[in-house]
Each structure stands twice: as structure tokens, then as C-alpha cells.
Amino acid sequence: MDHTLHPRLEAAELNAANLEGITVYGPQDDNVGTISHLHGHGAETLVIIDIGGFLGIGTKAVALRLSELDVMREENGEVHATTALTRDNLDAMPEHL
């Protein structure tokens, strides 16, 4: 997927309504997780990403700063995010409880 063609969300759009449930892609365009929820507001917002598992079973939640994601909208209106972190990087992170 060529993410350079997708418009980035404006700061006012970076909220739970637009982000919860979206797919997060890693540097090789692989699906590394799904955003489950957000903590906080503004620059200090933590994004909780569920990684691994199947249908919610066996998932691990990790926390990233919103600034570590590039959030964009595809031509069809679907929102997704990318991160420079690989699945291995996320797996090595402590679980968010």
C-alpha cells in the first residue's frame, strides 16, 4: 500500500471515535495490531494497541504515544495508522495493564 497518497488526519480528528478499532501497519506494511483504546488527550495521548492473538484471545496490549503513529485516511474513507516499530519491537514491549 502506498501510504504517501493517503491524507493525514488533522489533530482534531485524532480521537477515540476515529482511532479505536483501526489497523496499525509496521514498516514492511504488515498488520502489527489494532488500536483498542486511548488514554489521555493531546500530545500525551497513549494509544493502546492489541497485538497477536486471534479474535481477541491471546492478545497482548502495548502502549505507544500517539506521536509514534502516522494516522491517515484511505481513498475509501477507512482510517489506518503506520508505525516504524516492527511486530518484534512491539512483542518485546511490556504489557499495558
C-alpha atoms as a PDB file:
ATOM      1  CA  MET A   1       0.000   0.000   0.000  1.00  0.00           C
ATOM      2  CA  ASP A   2       1.380   3.419  -0.897  1.00  0.00           C
ATOM      3  CA  HIS A   3       0.726   5.458   2.250  1.00  0.00           C
ATOM      4  CA  THR A   4       2.180   8.620   0.705  1.00  0.00           C
ATOM      5  CA  LEU A   5      -1.078   9.063  -1.209  1.00  0.00           C
ATOM      6  CA  HIS A   6      -3.260   8.986   1.913  1.00  0.00           C
ATOM      7  CA  PRO A   7      -4.140  12.282   3.593  1.00  0.00           C
ATOM      8  CA  ARG A   8      -3.149  12.529   7.255  1.00  0.00           C
ATOM      9  CA  LEU A   9      -5.805  13.153   9.868  1.00  0.00           C
ATOM     10  CA  GLU A  10      -5.921  16.625  11.369  1.00  0.00           C
ATOM     11  CA  ALA A  11      -5.165  16.999  15.094  1.00  0.00           C
ATOM     12  CA  ALA A  12      -8.875  17.469  15.896  1.00  0.00           C
ATOM     13  CA  GLU A  13      -9.627  14.101  14.246  1.00  0.00           C
ATOM     14  CA  LEU A  14      -7.179  12.168  16.437  1.00  0.00           C
ATOM     15  CA  ASN A  15      -9.757  10.962  18.923  1.00  0.00           C
ATOM     16  CA  ALA A  16     -11.279   7.693  20.136  1.00  0.00           C
ATOM     17  CA  ALA A  17     -14.175   7.886  17.665  1.00  0.00           C
ATOM     18  CA  ASN A  18     -11.757   7.836  14.717  1.00  0.00           C
ATOM     19  CA  LEU A  19      -8.971   5.653  16.123  1.00  0.00           C
ATOM     20  CA  GLU A  20     -10.485   2.819  18.143  1.00  0.00           C
ATOM     21  CA  GLY A  21     -10.575  -0.373  16.097  1.00  0.00           C
ATOM     22  CA  ILE A  22      -8.247   0.758  13.297  1.00  0.00           C
ATOM     23  CA  THR A  23      -5.407  -1.383  11.970  1.00  0.00           C
ATOM     24  CA  VAL A  24      -1.789  -0.432  12.623  1.00  0.00           C
ATOM     25  CA  TYR A  25       0.787  -1.390   9.981  1.00  0.00           C
ATOM     26  CA  GLY A  26       4.514  -1.841  10.533  1.00  0.00           C
ATOM     27  CA  PRO A  27       7.424  -0.711   8.348  1.00  0.00           C
ATOM     28  CA  GLN A  28       7.018  -3.639   5.948  1.00  0.00           C
ATOM     29  CA  ASP A  29       3.285  -2.887   5.596  1.00  0.00           C
ATOM     30  CA  ASP A  30       2.406  -5.864   7.776  1.00  0.00           C
ATOM     31  CA  ASN A  31      -0.534  -5.732  10.163  1.00  0.00           C
ATOM     32  CA  VAL A  32       1.040  -5.373  13.621  1.00  0.00           C
ATOM     33  CA  GLY A  33      -2.098  -4.742  15.661  1.00  0.00           C
ATOM     34  CA  THR A  34      -5.360  -2.931  16.277  1.00  0.00           C
ATOM     35  CA  ILE A  35      -5.981   0.138  18.414  1.00  0.00           C
ATOM     36  CA  SER A  36      -8.252  -0.856  21.283  1.00  0.00           C
ATOM     37  CA  HIS A  37      -8.484   2.464  23.132  1.00  0.00           C
ATOM     38  CA  LEU A  38      -6.794   5.733  24.079  1.00  0.00           C
ATOM     39  CA  HIS A  39      -5.587   7.208  27.383  1.00  0.00           C
ATOM     40  CA  GLY A  40      -5.229  10.955  27.816  1.00  0.00           C
ATOM     41  CA  HIS A  41      -5.507  13.881  25.451  1.00  0.00           C
ATOM     42  CA  GLY A  42      -3.270  15.921  23.184  1.00  0.00           C
ATOM     43  CA  ALA A  43       0.460  15.333  22.909  1.00  0.00           C
ATOM     44  CA  GLU A  44       0.478  12.965  25.891  1.00  0.00           C
ATOM     45  CA  THR A  45      -2.152  10.605  24.477  1.00  0.00           C
ATOM     46  CA  LEU A  46      -1.310   6.927  24.854  1.00  0.00           C
ATOM     47  CA  VAL A  47      -2.619   4.589  22.194  1.00  0.00           C
ATOM     48  CA  ILE A  48      -3.254   1.049  23.412  1.00  0.00           C
ATOM     49  CA  ILE A  49      -2.638  -1.485  20.652  1.00  0.00           C
ATOM     50  CA  ASP A  50      -3.688  -5.118  20.841  1.00  0.00           C
ATOM     51  CA  ILE A  51      -1.100  -7.344  19.190  1.00  0.00           C
ATOM     52  CA  GLY A  52      -1.119 -11.065  18.490  1.00  0.00           C
ATOM     53  CA  GLY A  53      -3.884 -13.455  19.291  1.00  0.00           C
ATOM     54  CA  PHE A  54      -6.916 -14.419  17.291  1.00  0.00           C
ATOM     55  CA  LEU A  55     -10.381 -12.898  17.684  1.00  0.00           C
ATOM     56  CA  GLY A  56      -9.291 -11.199  20.899  1.00  0.00           C
ATOM     57  CA  ILE A  57      -7.956 -14.379  22.508  1.00  0.00           C
ATOM     58  CA  GLY A  58      -4.285 -14.366  23.437  1.00  0.00           C
ATOM     59  CA  THR A  59      -3.726 -10.708  22.611  1.00  0.00           C
ATOM     60  CA  LYS A  60      -1.198  -8.529  24.368  1.00  0.00           C
ATOM     61  CA  ALA A  61      -1.861  -4.827  24.895  1.00  0.00           C
ATOM     62  CA  VAL A  62       1.043  -2.401  24.476  1.00  0.00           C
ATOM     63  CA  ALA A  63       1.077   1.384  24.830  1.00  0.00           C
ATOM     64  CA  LEU A  64       2.565   3.832  22.345  1.00  0.00           C
ATOM     65  CA  ARG A  65       2.496   7.606  22.274  1.00  0.00           C
ATOM     66  CA  LEU A  66       0.165   8.913  19.599  1.00  0.00           C
ATOM     67  CA  SER A  67       3.173  10.736  18.148  1.00  0.00           C
ATOM     68  CA  GLU A  68       4.704   7.328  17.292  1.00  0.00           C
ATOM     69  CA  LEU A  69       1.905   6.713  14.787  1.00  0.00           C
ATOM     70  CA  ASP A  70       1.166   8.232  11.405  1.00  0.00           C
ATOM     71  CA  VAL A  71      -2.622   8.218  11.084  1.00  0.00           C
ATOM     72  CA  MET A  72      -4.219   8.552   7.657  1.00  0.00           C
ATOM     73  CA  ARG A  73      -7.356   8.024   5.614  1.00  0.00           C
ATOM     74  CA  GLU A  74      -7.560   5.839   2.510  1.00  0.00           C
ATOM     75  CA  GLU A  75      -9.450   6.828  -0.625  1.00  0.00           C
ATOM     76  CA  ASN A  76     -12.468   4.809   0.587  1.00  0.00           C
ATOM     77  CA  GLY A  77     -12.530   6.765   3.883  1.00  0.00           C
ATOM     78  CA  GLU A  78     -11.091   3.962   6.014  1.00  0.00           C
ATOM     79  CA  VAL A  79      -8.638   5.174   8.664  1.00  0.00           C
ATOM     80  CA  HIS A  80      -5.434   3.282   9.481  1.00  0.00           C
ATOM     81  CA  ALA A  81      -2.056   4.022  11.065  1.00  0.00           C
ATOM     82  CA  THR A  82       1.566   3.151  10.452  1.00  0.00           C
ATOM     83  CA  THR A  83       4.481   2.885  12.853  1.00  0.00           C
ATOM     84  CA  ALA A  84       8.224   2.474  12.448  1.00  0.00           C
ATOM     85  CA  LEU A  85       8.092  -0.313  15.049  1.00  0.00           C
ATOM     86  CA  THR A  86       8.095  -3.916  13.885  1.00  0.00           C
ATOM     87  CA  ARG A  87       5.992  -6.703  15.321  1.00  0.00           C
ATOM     88  CA  ASP A  88       9.134  -7.954  17.111  1.00  0.00           C
ATOM     89  CA  ASN A  89       9.632  -4.487  18.644  1.00  0.00           C
ATOM     90  CA  LEU A  90       6.040  -4.480  19.887  1.00  0.00           C
ATOM     91  CA  ASP A  91       6.289  -8.048  21.205  1.00  0.00           C
ATOM     92  CA  ALA A  92       9.341  -7.022  23.260  1.00  0.00           C
ATOM     93  CA  MET A  93       7.460  -4.148  24.936  1.00  0.00           C
ATOM     94  CA  PRO A  94       5.955  -4.572  28.404  1.00  0.00           C
ATOM     95  CA  GLU A  95       2.278  -5.427  28.515  1.00  0.00           C
ATOM     96  CA  HIS A  96      -0.033  -2.498  29.253  1.00  0.00           C
ATOM     97  CA  LEU A  97      -2.293  -3.436  32.146  1.00  0.00           C
END
